[in-house]
PDB file of all heavy atoms in Angstrom:
ATOM      1  N   THR A   1       0.819  -1.211   0.000  1.00  0.00           N
ATOM      2  CA  THR A   1       0.000   0.000   0.000  1.00  0.00           C
ATOM      3  C   THR A   1       0.854   1.263   0.000  1.00  0.00           C
ATOM      4  O   THR A   1       2.017   1.255   0.419  1.00  0.00           O
ATOM      5  CB  THR A   1      -0.925   0.031   1.225  1.00  0.00           C
ATOM      6  OG1 THR A   1      -0.137  -0.057   2.412  1.00  0.00           O
ATOM      7  CG2 THR A   1      -1.915  -1.122   1.193  1.00  0.00           C
ATOM      8  N   ASN A   2       0.260   2.334  -0.479  1.00  0.00           N
ATOM      9  CA  ASN A   2       0.905   3.634  -0.527  1.00  0.00           C
ATOM     10  C   ASN A   2      -0.163   4.687  -0.236  1.00  0.00           C
ATOM     11  O   ASN A   2      -1.273   4.605  -0.780  1.00  0.00           O
ATOM     12  CB  ASN A   2       1.525   3.861  -1.906  1.00  0.00           C
ATOM     13  CG  ASN A   2       2.240   5.196  -2.006  1.00  0.00           C
ATOM     14  OD1 ASN A   2       2.859   5.644  -1.055  1.00  0.00           O
ATOM     15  ND2 ASN A   2       2.150   5.831  -3.168  1.00  0.00           N
ATOM     16  N   TYR A   3       0.167   5.652   0.632  1.00  0.00           N
ATOM     17  CA  TYR A   3      -0.792   6.671   1.028  1.00  0.00           C
ATOM     18  C   TYR A   3      -0.207   8.071   0.864  1.00  0.00           C
ATOM     19  O   TYR A   3       0.989   8.278   1.078  1.00  0.00           O
ATOM     20  CB  TYR A   3      -1.193   6.508   2.496  1.00  0.00           C
ATOM     21  CG  TYR A   3      -1.958   5.251   2.802  1.00  0.00           C
ATOM     22  CD1 TYR A   3      -1.303   4.094   3.207  1.00  0.00           C
ATOM     23  CD2 TYR A   3      -3.344   5.217   2.694  1.00  0.00           C
ATOM     24  CE1 TYR A   3      -2.008   2.926   3.490  1.00  0.00           C
ATOM     25  CE2 TYR A   3      -4.064   4.065   2.985  1.00  0.00           C
ATOM     26  CZ  TYR A   3      -3.381   2.928   3.373  1.00  0.00           C
ATOM     27  OH  TYR A   3      -4.084   1.785   3.661  1.00  0.00           O
ATOM     28  N   ALA A   4      -1.071   9.021   0.552  1.00  0.00           N
ATOM     29  CA  ALA A   4      -0.672  10.418   0.626  1.00  0.00           C
ATOM     30  C   ALA A   4      -0.417  10.766   2.093  1.00  0.00           C
ATOM     31  O   ALA A   4      -1.101  10.255   2.984  1.00  0.00           O
ATOM     32  CB  ALA A   4      -1.778  11.306   0.068  1.00  0.00           C
ATOM     33  N   ASP A   5       0.547  11.625   2.336  1.00  0.00           N
ATOM     34  CA  ASP A   5       0.880  12.001   3.716  1.00  0.00           C
ATOM     35  C   ASP A   5      -0.333  12.567   4.443  1.00  0.00           C
ATOM     36  O   ASP A   5      -0.495  12.359   5.652  1.00  0.00           O
ATOM     37  CB  ASP A   5       2.010  13.029   3.729  1.00  0.00           C
ATOM     38  CG  ASP A   5       3.351  12.423   3.367  1.00  0.00           C
ATOM     39  OD1 ASP A   5       3.487  11.176   3.433  1.00  0.00           O
ATOM     40  OD2 ASP A   5       4.267  13.178   3.012  1.00  0.00           O
ATOM     41  N   SER A   6      -1.186  13.269   3.713  1.00  0.00           N
ATOM     42  CA  SER A   6      -2.316  13.948   4.333  1.00  0.00           C
ATOM     43  C   SER A   6      -3.381  12.994   4.870  1.00  0.00           C
ATOM     44  O   SER A   6      -4.232  13.398   5.668  1.00  0.00           O
ATOM     45  CB  SER A   6      -2.965  14.913   3.341  1.00  0.00           C
ATOM     46  OG  SER A   6      -3.427  14.219   2.200  1.00  0.00           O
ATOM     47  N   VAL A   7      -3.343  11.728   4.447  1.00  0.00           N
ATOM     48  CA  VAL A   7      -4.375  10.783   4.886  1.00  0.00           C
ATOM     49  C   VAL A   7      -3.818   9.639   5.728  1.00  0.00           C
ATOM     50  O   VAL A   7      -4.586   8.806   6.220  1.00  0.00           O
ATOM     51  CB  VAL A   7      -5.169  10.214   3.696  1.00  0.00           C
ATOM     52  CG1 VAL A   7      -5.720  11.335   2.829  1.00  0.00           C
ATOM     53  CG2 VAL A   7      -4.330   9.262   2.867  1.00  0.00           C
ATOM     54  N   LYS A   8      -2.506   9.578   5.880  1.00  0.00           N
ATOM     55  CA  LYS A   8      -1.908   8.488   6.666  1.00  0.00           C
ATOM     56  C   LYS A   8      -2.460   8.486   8.088  1.00  0.00           C
ATOM     57  O   LYS A   8      -2.565   9.527   8.727  1.00  0.00           O
ATOM     58  CB  LYS A   8      -0.384   8.640   6.693  1.00  0.00           C
ATOM     59  CG  LYS A   8       0.293   8.246   5.398  1.00  0.00           C
ATOM     60  CD  LYS A   8       1.809   8.415   5.487  1.00  0.00           C
ATOM     61  CE  LYS A   8       2.487   8.019   4.182  1.00  0.00           C
ATOM     62  NZ  LYS A   8       3.935   8.251   4.220  1.00  0.00           N
ATOM     63  N   GLY A   9      -2.812   7.297   8.534  1.00  0.00           N
ATOM     64  CA  GLY A   9      -3.365   7.153   9.869  1.00  0.00           C
ATOM     65  C   GLY A   9      -4.859   7.367   9.941  1.00  0.00           C
ATOM     66  O   GLY A   9      -5.487   7.082  10.977  1.00  0.00           O
ATOM     67  N   ARG A  10      -5.467   7.877   8.885  1.00  0.00           N
ATOM     68  CA  ARG A  10      -6.920   8.111   8.863  1.00  0.00           C
ATOM     69  C   ARG A  10      -7.627   7.234   7.839  1.00  0.00           C
ATOM     70  O   ARG A  10      -8.762   6.820   8.063  1.00  0.00           O
ATOM     71  CB  ARG A  10      -7.212   9.585   8.551  1.00  0.00           C
ATOM     72  CG  ARG A  10      -6.637  10.564   9.561  1.00  0.00           C
ATOM     73  CD  ARG A  10      -7.135  11.982   9.297  1.00  0.00           C
ATOM     74  NE  ARG A  10      -6.712  12.501   8.003  1.00  0.00           N
ATOM     75  CZ  ARG A  10      -7.542  12.950   7.062  1.00  0.00           C
ATOM     76  NH1 ARG A  10      -8.849  12.949   7.270  1.00  0.00           N
ATOM     77  NH2 ARG A  10      -7.065  13.416   5.910  1.00  0.00           N
ATOM     78  N   PHE A  11      -6.986   6.999   6.706  1.00  0.00           N
ATOM     79  CA  PHE A  11      -7.589   6.225   5.617  1.00  0.00           C
ATOM     80  C   PHE A  11      -6.913   4.861   5.529  1.00  0.00           C
ATOM     81  O   PHE A  11      -5.723   4.719   5.825  1.00  0.00           O
ATOM     82  CB  PHE A  11      -7.422   6.935   4.280  1.00  0.00           C
ATOM     83  CG  PHE A  11      -8.209   8.214   4.129  1.00  0.00           C
ATOM     84  CD1 PHE A  11      -8.877   8.808   5.194  1.00  0.00           C
ATOM     85  CD2 PHE A  11      -8.285   8.827   2.881  1.00  0.00           C
ATOM     86  CE1 PHE A  11      -9.594   9.979   5.031  1.00  0.00           C
ATOM     87  CE2 PHE A  11      -8.998   9.998   2.703  1.00  0.00           C
ATOM     88  CZ  PHE A  11      -9.644  10.580   3.785  1.00  0.00           C
ATOM     89  N   ALA A  12      -7.669   3.872   5.067  1.00  0.00           N
ATOM     90  CA  ALA A  12      -7.125   2.531   4.853  1.00  0.00           C
ATOM     91  C   ALA A  12      -7.677   1.964   3.556  1.00  0.00           C
ATOM     92  O   ALA A  12      -8.897   1.943   3.357  1.00  0.00           O
ATOM     93  CB  ALA A  12      -7.470   1.619   6.018  1.00  0.00           C
ATOM     94  N   ILE A  13      -6.776   1.509   2.695  1.00  0.00           N
ATOM     95  CA  ILE A  13      -7.185   0.933   1.418  1.00  0.00           C
ATOM     96  C   ILE A  13      -7.051  -0.582   1.498  1.00  0.00           C
ATOM     97  O   ILE A  13      -6.138  -1.109   2.143  1.00  0.00           O
ATOM     98  CB  ILE A  13      -6.342   1.501   0.253  1.00  0.00           C
ATOM     99  CG1 ILE A  13      -6.950   1.111  -1.088  1.00  0.00           C
ATOM    100  CG2 ILE A  13      -4.872   1.075   0.352  1.00  0.00           C
ATOM    101  CD1 ILE A  13      -6.348   1.868  -2.264  1.00  0.00           C
ATOM    102  N   SER A  14      -7.960  -1.285   0.843  1.00  0.00           N
ATOM    103  CA  SER A  14      -7.913  -2.747   0.832  1.00  0.00           C
ATOM    104  C   SER A  14      -8.523  -3.252  -0.462  1.00  0.00           C
ATOM    105  O   SER A  14      -9.329  -2.570  -1.094  1.00  0.00           O
ATOM    106  CB  SER A  14      -8.653  -3.315   2.041  1.00  0.00           C
ATOM    107  OG  SER A  14     -10.022  -2.933   2.019  1.00  0.00           O
ATOM    108  N   ARG A  15      -8.132  -4.474  -0.817  1.00  0.00           N
ATOM    109  CA  ARG A  15      -8.714  -5.117  -1.987  1.00  0.00           C
ATOM    110  C   ARG A  15      -9.613  -6.251  -1.508  1.00  0.00           C
ATOM    111  O   ARG A  15      -9.318  -6.936  -0.532  1.00  0.00           O
ATOM    112  CB  ARG A  15      -7.629  -5.657  -2.918  1.00  0.00           C
ATOM    113  CG  ARG A  15      -6.804  -4.567  -3.527  1.00  0.00           C
ATOM    114  CD  ARG A  15      -5.761  -5.084  -4.477  1.00  0.00           C
ATOM    115  NE  ARG A  15      -6.298  -5.485  -5.766  1.00  0.00           N
ATOM    116  CZ  ARG A  15      -5.680  -5.299  -6.918  1.00  0.00           C
ATOM    117  NH1 ARG A  15      -4.499  -4.720  -6.925  1.00  0.00           N
ATOM    118  NH2 ARG A  15      -6.217  -5.718  -8.047  1.00  0.00           N
ATOM    119  N   GLY A  16     -10.682  -6.458  -2.243  1.00  0.00           N
ATOM    120  CA  GLY A  16     -11.587  -7.526  -1.893  1.00  0.00           C
ATOM    121  C   GLY A  16     -11.040  -8.876  -2.310  1.00  0.00           C
ATOM    122  O   GLY A  16     -10.072  -8.974  -3.067  1.00  0.00           O
ATOM    123  N   ASN A  17     -11.672  -9.922  -1.806  1.00  0.00           N
ATOM    124  CA  ASN A  17     -11.246 -11.276  -2.143  1.00  0.00           C
ATOM    125  C   ASN A  17     -11.327 -11.543  -3.638  1.00  0.00           C
ATOM    126  O   ASN A  17     -10.568 -12.353  -4.171  1.00  0.00           O
ATOM    127  CB  ASN A  17     -12.096 -12.290  -1.386  1.00  0.00           C
ATOM    128  CG  ASN A  17     -11.815 -12.267   0.106  1.00  0.00           C
ATOM    129  OD1 ASN A  17     -10.716 -11.889   0.525  1.00  0.00           O
ATOM    130  ND2 ASN A  17     -12.793 -12.647   0.897  1.00  0.00           N
ATOM    131  N   ALA A  18     -12.229 -10.877  -4.303  1.00  0.00           N
ATOM    132  CA  ALA A  18     -12.395 -11.070  -5.742  1.00  0.00           C
ATOM    133  C   ALA A  18     -11.284 -10.400  -6.534  1.00  0.00           C
ATOM    134  O   ALA A  18     -11.197 -10.597  -7.748  1.00  0.00           O
ATOM    135  CB  ALA A  18     -13.750 -10.506  -6.181  1.00  0.00           C
ATOM    136  N   ARG A  19     -10.427  -9.618  -5.864  1.00  0.00           N
ATOM    137  CA  ARG A  19      -9.273  -8.942  -6.468  1.00  0.00           C
ATOM    138  C   ARG A  19      -9.662  -7.847  -7.449  1.00  0.00           C
ATOM    139  O   ARG A  19      -8.808  -7.069  -7.849  1.00  0.00           O
ATOM    140  CB  ARG A  19      -8.335  -9.948  -7.182  1.00  0.00           C
ATOM    141  CG  ARG A  19      -7.926 -11.129  -6.348  1.00  0.00           C
ATOM    142  CD  ARG A  19      -7.291 -10.700  -5.059  1.00  0.00           C
ATOM    143  NE  ARG A  19      -6.034 -10.012  -5.254  1.00  0.00           N
ATOM    144  CZ  ARG A  19      -5.400  -9.349  -4.307  1.00  0.00           C
ATOM    145  NH1 ARG A  19      -5.918  -9.247  -3.101  1.00  0.00           N
ATOM    146  NH2 ARG A  19      -4.242  -8.765  -4.561  1.00  0.00           N
ATOM    147  N   ASN A  20     -10.899  -7.820  -7.880  1.00  0.00           N
ATOM    148  CA  ASN A  20     -11.351  -6.774  -8.791  1.00  0.00           C
ATOM    149  C   ASN A  20     -12.112  -5.678  -8.066  1.00  0.00           C
ATOM    150  O   ASN A  20     -12.796  -4.876  -8.702  1.00  0.00           O
ATOM    151  CB  ASN A  20     -12.232  -7.364  -9.892  1.00  0.00           C
ATOM    152  CG  ASN A  20     -11.412  -7.846 -11.061  1.00  0.00           C
ATOM    153  OD1 ASN A  20     -10.235  -8.185 -10.898  1.00  0.00           O
ATOM    154  ND2 ASN A  20     -12.012  -7.884 -12.232  1.00  0.00           N
ATOM    155  N   THR A  21     -12.033  -5.691  -6.740  1.00  0.00           N
ATOM    156  CA  THR A  21     -12.665  -4.642  -5.969  1.00  0.00           C
ATOM    157  C   THR A  21     -11.628  -3.965  -5.081  1.00  0.00           C
ATOM    158  O   THR A  21     -10.650  -4.592  -4.658  1.00  0.00           O
ATOM    159  CB  THR A  21     -13.796  -5.194  -5.076  1.00  0.00           C
ATOM    160  OG1 THR A  21     -13.247  -6.202  -4.203  1.00  0.00           O
ATOM    161  CG2 THR A  21     -14.892  -5.809  -5.910  1.00  0.00           C
ATOM    162  N   VAL A  22     -11.860  -2.693  -4.820  1.00  0.00           N
ATOM    163  CA  VAL A  22     -10.983  -1.951  -3.921  1.00  0.00           C
ATOM    164  C   VAL A  22     -11.852  -1.058  -3.052  1.00  0.00           C
ATOM    165  O   VAL A  22     -12.852  -0.505  -3.514  1.00  0.00           O
ATOM    166  CB  VAL A  22      -9.923  -1.135  -4.705  1.00  0.00           C
ATOM    167  CG1 VAL A  22     -10.571  -0.062  -5.567  1.00  0.00           C
ATOM    168  CG2 VAL A  22      -8.893  -0.529  -3.773  1.00  0.00           C
ATOM    169  N   HIS A  23     -11.473  -0.974  -1.784  1.00  0.00           N
ATOM    170  CA  HIS A  23     -12.230  -0.191  -0.822  1.00  0.00           C
ATOM    171  C   HIS A  23     -11.322   0.854  -0.184  1.00  0.00           C
ATOM    172  O   HIS A  23     -10.120   0.630  -0.026  1.00  0.00           O
ATOM    173  CB  HIS A  23     -12.795  -1.096   0.281  1.00  0.00           C
ATOM    174  CG  HIS A  23     -13.548  -2.273  -0.245  1.00  0.00           C
ATOM    175  ND1 HIS A  23     -14.825  -2.183  -0.776  1.00  0.00           N
ATOM    176  CD2 HIS A  23     -13.194  -3.585  -0.353  1.00  0.00           C
ATOM    177  CE1 HIS A  23     -15.221  -3.368  -1.163  1.00  0.00           C
ATOM    178  NE2 HIS A  23     -14.260  -4.245  -0.926  1.00  0.00           N
ATOM    179  N   LEU A  24     -11.922   1.969   0.184  1.00  0.00           N
ATOM    180  CA  LEU A  24     -11.195   3.005   0.901  1.00  0.00           C
ATOM    181  C   LEU A  24     -12.008   3.376   2.137  1.00  0.00           C
ATOM    182  O   LEU A  24     -13.071   3.991   2.021  1.00  0.00           O
ATOM    183  CB  LEU A  24     -10.972   4.236   0.025  1.00  0.00           C
ATOM    184  CG  LEU A  24     -10.116   5.334   0.658  1.00  0.00           C
ATOM    185  CD1 LEU A  24      -8.666   4.852   0.831  1.00  0.00           C
ATOM    186  CD2 LEU A  24     -10.146   6.604  -0.190  1.00  0.00           C
ATOM    187  N   GLN A  25     -11.516   2.967   3.297  1.00  0.00           N
ATOM    188  CA  GLN A  25     -12.151   3.337   4.557  1.00  0.00           C
ATOM    189  C   GLN A  25     -11.581   4.667   4.998  1.00  0.00           C
ATOM    190  O   GLN A  25     -10.359   4.785   5.192  1.00  0.00           O
ATOM    191  CB  GLN A  25     -11.900   2.269   5.625  1.00  0.00           C
ATOM    192  CG  GLN A  25     -12.502   2.592   6.980  1.00  0.00           C
ATOM    193  CD  GLN A  25     -14.013   2.612   6.961  1.00  0.00           C
ATOM    194  OE1 GLN A  25     -14.644   1.757   6.353  1.00  0.00           O
ATOM    195  NE2 GLN A  25     -14.596   3.611   7.621  1.00  0.00           N
ATOM    196  N   MET A  26     -12.436   5.660   5.143  1.00  0.00           N
ATOM    197  CA  MET A  26     -12.000   7.010   5.485  1.00  0.00           C
ATOM    198  C   MET A  26     -12.562   7.377   6.859  1.00  0.00           C
ATOM    199  O   MET A  26     -13.777   7.480   7.023  1.00  0.00           O
ATOM    200  CB  MET A  26     -12.474   8.008   4.423  1.00  0.00           C
ATOM    201  CG  MET A  26     -12.019   7.650   3.023  1.00  0.00           C
ATOM    202  SD  MET A  26     -12.436   8.909   1.786  1.00  0.00           S
ATOM    203  CE  MET A  26     -14.223   8.808   1.791  1.00  0.00           C
TER     204      MET A  26
END
């Protein structure tokens, strides 16, 4: 994973089991 400095510690990115999905928890 890679994050912008402005969102580190607040946002989390993940991929779904299907690998064709991506989520951003903000």
